[in-house]
Amino acid sequence: MAEERDEDRASFTGAIAAKEARKMKARKDKARGLWFGMGMMGMIGWSVVVPTLIGVAVGVWLDIKYPGQISWTLTFMSIGLAIGCANAWYWVEREQKKIEGDKSND
């Protein structure tokens, strides 16, 4: 009976210690909160927009230089959008792994 109480007490103490460590880390990283999130959203947005706009520019140039039945603008815009989405996915995956790594270290 006493051993069970000691195990329960140790388990409870461990849970409290882990929770307190997360709180301390959150307080330390508080400055990263809102502005970090806004910056990350901007970075993800730009990582999609820039390749898309480059694709549009190349497509417009090709449409002017080599007009034809194929719309180079739409083609290269689609390619740029696909590259931008893949780029954004890379950034999100990287941040997710970093967050999971931080949680496993706690």
N, C-alpha and C. Protein backbone atom coordinates (compact mmCIF):
# COMPACT_ATOMS: atom_id res chain seq x y z
N MET A 1 0.82 -1.19 0.00
CA MET A 1 0.00 0.00 0.00
C MET A 1 0.87 1.26 0.00
N ALA A 2 1.89 1.27 0.83
CA ALA A 2 2.78 2.43 0.92
C ALA A 2 3.58 2.59 -0.37
N GLU A 3 3.93 1.45 -1.01
CA GLU A 3 4.68 1.50 -2.25
C GLU A 3 3.85 2.12 -3.36
N GLU A 4 2.55 1.79 -3.38
CA GLU A 4 1.66 2.37 -4.39
C GLU A 4 1.57 3.88 -4.23
N ARG A 5 1.47 4.32 -2.97
CA ARG A 5 1.41 5.77 -2.71
C ARG A 5 2.69 6.46 -3.15
N ASP A 6 3.83 5.83 -2.89
CA ASP A 6 5.11 6.41 -3.30
C ASP A 6 5.21 6.50 -4.82
N GLU A 7 4.72 5.47 -5.52
CA GLU A 7 4.72 5.48 -6.98
C GLU A 7 3.79 6.56 -7.51
N ASP A 8 2.59 6.67 -6.90
CA ASP A 8 1.65 7.71 -7.30
C ASP A 8 2.23 9.09 -7.06
N ARG A 9 2.86 9.26 -5.91
CA ARG A 9 3.46 10.54 -5.56
C ARG A 9 4.58 10.89 -6.54
N ALA A 10 5.41 9.92 -6.91
CA ALA A 10 6.51 10.15 -7.85
C ALA A 10 5.96 10.49 -9.24
N SER A 11 4.92 9.79 -9.63
CA SER A 11 4.29 10.06 -10.92
C SER A 11 3.69 11.47 -10.95
N PHE A 12 3.01 11.82 -9.87
CA PHE A 12 2.40 13.14 -9.75
C PHE A 12 3.48 14.23 -9.76
N THR A 13 4.55 14.01 -9.02
CA THR A 13 5.64 14.97 -8.96
C THR A 13 6.29 15.15 -10.33
N GLY A 14 6.46 14.06 -11.07
CA GLY A 14 7.02 14.12 -12.42
C GLY A 14 6.14 14.90 -13.37
N ALA A 15 4.83 14.69 -13.26
CA ALA A 15 3.89 15.42 -14.12
C ALA A 15 3.91 16.91 -13.81
N ILE A 16 3.96 17.26 -12.53
CA ILE A 16 4.02 18.67 -12.14
C ILE A 16 5.32 19.30 -12.63
N ALA A 17 6.43 18.58 -12.51
CA ALA A 17 7.73 19.11 -12.96
C ALA A 17 7.73 19.35 -14.46
N ALA A 18 7.16 18.44 -15.23
CA ALA A 18 7.10 18.61 -16.69
C ALA A 18 6.23 19.80 -17.06
N LYS A 19 5.11 19.94 -16.37
CA LYS A 19 4.21 21.06 -16.65
C LYS A 19 4.89 22.39 -16.31
N GLU A 20 5.59 22.43 -15.21
CA GLU A 20 6.30 23.64 -14.81
C GLU A 20 7.42 23.98 -15.79
N ALA A 21 8.10 22.97 -16.30
CA ALA A 21 9.17 23.20 -17.28
C ALA A 21 8.59 23.78 -18.57
N ARG A 22 7.42 23.29 -19.00
CA ARG A 22 6.76 23.85 -20.19
C ARG A 22 6.36 25.29 -19.97
N LYS A 23 5.85 25.61 -18.77
CA LYS A 23 5.48 26.99 -18.46
C LYS A 23 6.68 27.91 -18.48
N MET A 24 7.80 27.45 -17.90
CA MET A 24 9.01 28.26 -17.88
C MET A 24 9.53 28.50 -19.30
N LYS A 25 9.48 27.48 -20.13
CA LYS A 25 9.92 27.62 -21.52
C LYS A 25 9.01 28.58 -22.27
N ALA A 26 7.70 28.50 -22.04
CA ALA A 26 6.75 29.40 -22.70
C ALA A 26 7.00 30.84 -22.28
N ARG A 27 7.31 31.06 -21.01
CA ARG A 27 7.61 32.43 -20.55
C ARG A 27 8.87 32.94 -21.20
N LYS A 28 9.86 32.07 -21.34
CA LYS A 28 11.13 32.47 -21.94
C LYS A 28 10.95 32.79 -23.42
N ASP A 29 10.12 32.03 -24.11
CA ASP A 29 9.89 32.21 -25.54
C ASP A 29 8.70 33.10 -25.85
N LYS A 30 8.22 33.87 -24.87
CA LYS A 30 7.02 34.67 -25.06
C LYS A 30 7.19 35.68 -26.19
N ALA A 31 8.37 36.26 -26.31
CA ALA A 31 8.61 37.24 -27.36
C ALA A 31 8.45 36.62 -28.75
N ARG A 32 8.66 35.34 -28.85
CA ARG A 32 8.52 34.65 -30.13
C ARG A 32 7.06 34.49 -30.53
N GLY A 33 6.15 34.61 -29.62
CA GLY A 33 4.74 34.32 -29.82
C GLY A 33 4.09 34.93 -31.04
N LEU A 34 3.47 36.06 -30.88
CA LEU A 34 2.66 36.68 -31.93
C LEU A 34 3.50 37.09 -33.12
N TRP A 35 4.58 37.81 -32.87
CA TRP A 35 5.38 38.32 -33.99
C TRP A 35 6.06 37.20 -34.76
N PHE A 36 6.47 36.16 -34.06
CA PHE A 36 7.06 35.02 -34.74
C PHE A 36 6.02 34.36 -35.65
N GLY A 37 4.80 34.21 -35.14
CA GLY A 37 3.73 33.61 -35.93
C GLY A 37 3.39 34.45 -37.15
N MET A 38 3.33 35.77 -36.96
CA MET A 38 3.03 36.67 -38.09
C MET A 38 4.15 36.61 -39.13
N GLY A 39 5.38 36.58 -38.65
CA GLY A 39 6.50 36.50 -39.57
C GLY A 39 6.51 35.20 -40.34
N MET A 40 6.17 34.12 -39.66
CA MET A 40 6.14 32.82 -40.33
C MET A 40 5.03 32.79 -41.38
N MET A 41 3.88 33.36 -41.06
CA MET A 41 2.80 33.41 -42.05
C MET A 41 3.22 34.24 -43.26
N GLY A 42 3.91 35.35 -43.01
CA GLY A 42 4.40 36.16 -44.12
C GLY A 42 5.42 35.43 -44.95
N MET A 43 6.28 34.69 -44.29
CA MET A 43 7.31 33.94 -45.00
C MET A 43 6.68 32.85 -45.86
N ILE A 44 5.70 32.18 -45.33
CA ILE A 44 5.02 31.13 -46.10
C ILE A 44 4.27 31.76 -47.28
N GLY A 45 3.63 32.90 -47.04
CA GLY A 45 2.92 33.58 -48.12
C GLY A 45 3.86 34.01 -49.24
N TRP A 46 4.97 34.62 -48.86
CA TRP A 46 5.94 35.06 -49.87
C TRP A 46 6.58 33.89 -50.58
N SER A 47 6.75 32.76 -49.89
CA SER A 47 7.37 31.60 -50.54
C SER A 47 6.45 31.02 -51.62
N VAL A 48 5.16 31.34 -51.57
CA VAL A 48 4.23 30.94 -52.62
C VAL A 48 4.11 32.03 -53.69
N VAL A 49 4.05 33.28 -53.25
CA VAL A 49 3.81 34.39 -54.17
C VAL A 49 4.99 34.63 -55.11
N VAL A 50 6.21 34.60 -54.59
CA VAL A 50 7.37 34.93 -55.42
C VAL A 50 7.53 33.97 -56.60
N PRO A 51 7.53 32.65 -56.40
CA PRO A 51 7.65 31.77 -57.58
C PRO A 51 6.47 31.92 -58.55
N THR A 52 5.28 32.20 -58.02
CA THR A 52 4.12 32.39 -58.89
C THR A 52 4.30 33.63 -59.76
N LEU A 53 4.75 34.73 -59.16
CA LEU A 53 4.97 35.96 -59.94
C LEU A 53 6.10 35.80 -60.94
N ILE A 54 7.14 35.07 -60.57
CA ILE A 54 8.23 34.81 -61.53
C ILE A 54 7.68 34.00 -62.70
N GLY A 55 6.85 33.01 -62.41
CA GLY A 55 6.23 32.22 -63.47
C GLY A 55 5.36 33.07 -64.38
N VAL A 56 4.61 33.99 -63.80
CA VAL A 56 3.77 34.88 -64.60
C VAL A 56 4.64 35.76 -65.49
N ALA A 57 5.72 36.31 -64.94
CA ALA A 57 6.60 37.19 -65.72
C ALA A 57 7.23 36.44 -66.89
N VAL A 58 7.72 35.23 -66.63
CA VAL A 58 8.30 34.42 -67.70
C VAL A 58 7.24 34.08 -68.74
N GLY A 59 6.05 33.74 -68.27
CA GLY A 59 4.97 33.41 -69.19
C GLY A 59 4.54 34.58 -70.06
N VAL A 60 4.45 35.76 -69.50
CA VAL A 60 4.09 36.96 -70.28
C VAL A 60 5.17 37.23 -71.33
N TRP A 61 6.42 37.13 -70.91
CA TRP A 61 7.52 37.36 -71.85
C TRP A 61 7.47 36.36 -73.01
N LEU A 62 7.21 35.07 -72.69
CA LEU A 62 7.11 34.06 -73.74
C LEU A 62 5.89 34.29 -74.64
N ASP A 63 4.77 34.74 -74.05
CA ASP A 63 3.58 35.04 -74.86
C ASP A 63 3.85 36.18 -75.84
N ILE A 64 4.61 37.18 -75.41
CA ILE A 64 4.94 38.30 -76.30
C ILE A 64 5.96 37.86 -77.36
N LYS A 65 6.96 37.11 -76.94
CA LYS A 65 8.04 36.70 -77.83
C LYS A 65 7.60 35.61 -78.80
N TYR A 66 6.86 34.62 -78.31
CA TYR A 66 6.44 33.47 -79.11
C TYR A 66 4.94 33.24 -78.96
N PRO A 67 4.12 34.09 -79.59
CA PRO A 67 2.67 33.90 -79.44
C PRO A 67 2.24 32.59 -80.12
N GLY A 68 1.22 31.99 -79.55
CA GLY A 68 0.72 30.74 -80.11
C GLY A 68 -0.60 30.38 -79.45
N GLN A 69 -1.00 29.15 -79.65
CA GLN A 69 -2.26 28.69 -79.09
C GLN A 69 -2.15 28.39 -77.59
N ILE A 70 -0.95 28.08 -77.14
CA ILE A 70 -0.74 27.78 -75.74
C ILE A 70 -0.50 29.08 -74.97
N SER A 71 -1.17 29.24 -73.86
CA SER A 71 -0.95 30.41 -73.01
C SER A 71 0.23 30.10 -72.08
N TRP A 72 1.37 30.67 -72.43
CA TRP A 72 2.56 30.47 -71.61
C TRP A 72 2.38 31.08 -70.22
N THR A 73 1.61 32.15 -70.14
CA THR A 73 1.40 32.80 -68.85
C THR A 73 0.72 31.84 -67.88
N LEU A 74 -0.36 31.21 -68.31
CA LEU A 74 -1.07 30.27 -67.43
C LEU A 74 -0.21 29.04 -67.11
N THR A 75 0.53 28.59 -68.10
CA THR A 75 1.38 27.42 -67.88
C THR A 75 2.44 27.69 -66.82
N PHE A 76 3.18 28.79 -67.00
CA PHE A 76 4.25 29.09 -66.05
C PHE A 76 3.72 29.59 -64.72
N MET A 77 2.54 30.20 -64.72
CA MET A 77 1.93 30.58 -63.44
C MET A 77 1.61 29.31 -62.64
N SER A 78 1.08 28.30 -63.30
CA SER A 78 0.76 27.03 -62.63
C SER A 78 2.03 26.35 -62.12
N ILE A 79 3.08 26.37 -62.92
CA ILE A 79 4.35 25.78 -62.49
C ILE A 79 4.90 26.55 -61.28
N GLY A 80 4.87 27.88 -61.34
CA GLY A 80 5.34 28.70 -60.22
C GLY A 80 4.52 28.47 -58.95
N LEU A 81 3.22 28.33 -59.12
CA LEU A 81 2.35 28.06 -57.97
C LEU A 81 2.67 26.71 -57.35
N ALA A 82 2.89 25.70 -58.19
CA ALA A 82 3.24 24.37 -57.66
C ALA A 82 4.58 24.41 -56.92
N ILE A 83 5.55 25.11 -57.47
CA ILE A 83 6.85 25.24 -56.80
C ILE A 83 6.69 26.00 -55.49
N GLY A 84 5.89 27.07 -55.49
CA GLY A 84 5.66 27.84 -54.27
C GLY A 84 4.97 27.03 -53.19
N CYS A 85 3.99 26.23 -53.57
CA CYS A 85 3.30 25.39 -52.58
C CYS A 85 4.24 24.33 -52.01
N ALA A 86 5.09 23.76 -52.86
CA ALA A 86 6.06 22.79 -52.37
C ALA A 86 7.04 23.46 -51.40
N ASN A 87 7.43 24.68 -51.71
CA ASN A 87 8.33 25.45 -50.86
C ASN A 87 7.67 25.74 -49.50
N ALA A 88 6.42 26.15 -49.52
CA ALA A 88 5.69 26.43 -48.27
C ALA A 88 5.54 25.15 -47.45
N TRP A 89 5.27 24.04 -48.11
CA TRP A 89 5.14 22.77 -47.41
C TRP A 89 6.46 22.41 -46.73
N TYR A 90 7.57 22.66 -47.40
CA TYR A 90 8.89 22.41 -46.81
C TYR A 90 9.07 23.22 -45.52
N TRP A 91 8.73 24.52 -45.56
CA TRP A 91 8.88 25.37 -44.38
C TRP A 91 8.00 24.90 -43.23
N VAL A 92 6.77 24.54 -43.51
CA VAL A 92 5.85 24.10 -42.47
C VAL A 92 6.34 22.78 -41.87
N GLU A 93 6.79 21.85 -42.70
CA GLU A 93 7.31 20.58 -42.19
C GLU A 93 8.53 20.81 -41.30
N ARG A 94 9.39 21.72 -41.71
CA ARG A 94 10.60 22.00 -40.92
C ARG A 94 10.25 22.57 -39.56
N GLU A 95 9.32 23.49 -39.52
CA GLU A 95 8.89 24.07 -38.24
C GLU A 95 8.17 23.03 -37.38
N GLN A 96 7.38 22.16 -38.01
CA GLN A 96 6.68 21.11 -37.26
C GLN A 96 7.68 20.17 -36.60
N LYS A 97 8.73 19.79 -37.33
CA LYS A 97 9.76 18.92 -36.76
C LYS A 97 10.48 19.61 -35.62
N LYS A 98 10.71 20.92 -35.75
CA LYS A 98 11.37 21.67 -34.69
C LYS A 98 10.50 21.71 -33.44
N ILE A 99 9.19 21.89 -33.61
CA ILE A 99 8.26 21.93 -32.48
C ILE A 99 8.20 20.55 -31.81
N GLU A 100 8.12 19.50 -32.61
CA GLU A 100 8.08 18.14 -32.06
C GLU A 100 9.38 17.82 -31.33
N GLY A 101 10.50 18.30 -31.84
CA GLY A 101 11.78 18.08 -31.18
C GLY A 101 11.83 18.78 -29.84
N ASP A 102 11.27 20.00 -29.77
CA ASP A 102 11.22 20.73 -28.51
C ASP A 102 10.35 20.02 -27.48
N LYS A 103 9.23 19.44 -27.93
CA LYS A 103 8.34 18.73 -27.02
C LYS A 103 8.99 17.46 -26.49
N SER A 104 9.74 16.77 -27.34
CA SER A 104 10.37 15.53 -26.89
C SER A 104 11.52 15.81 -25.93
N ASN A 105 12.13 17.01 -26.02
CA ASN A 105 13.20 17.37 -25.10
C ASN A 105 12.68 17.71 -23.72
N ASP A 106 11.40 18.09 -23.63
CA ASP A 106 10.80 18.43 -22.33
C ASP A 106 10.54 17.18 -21.59
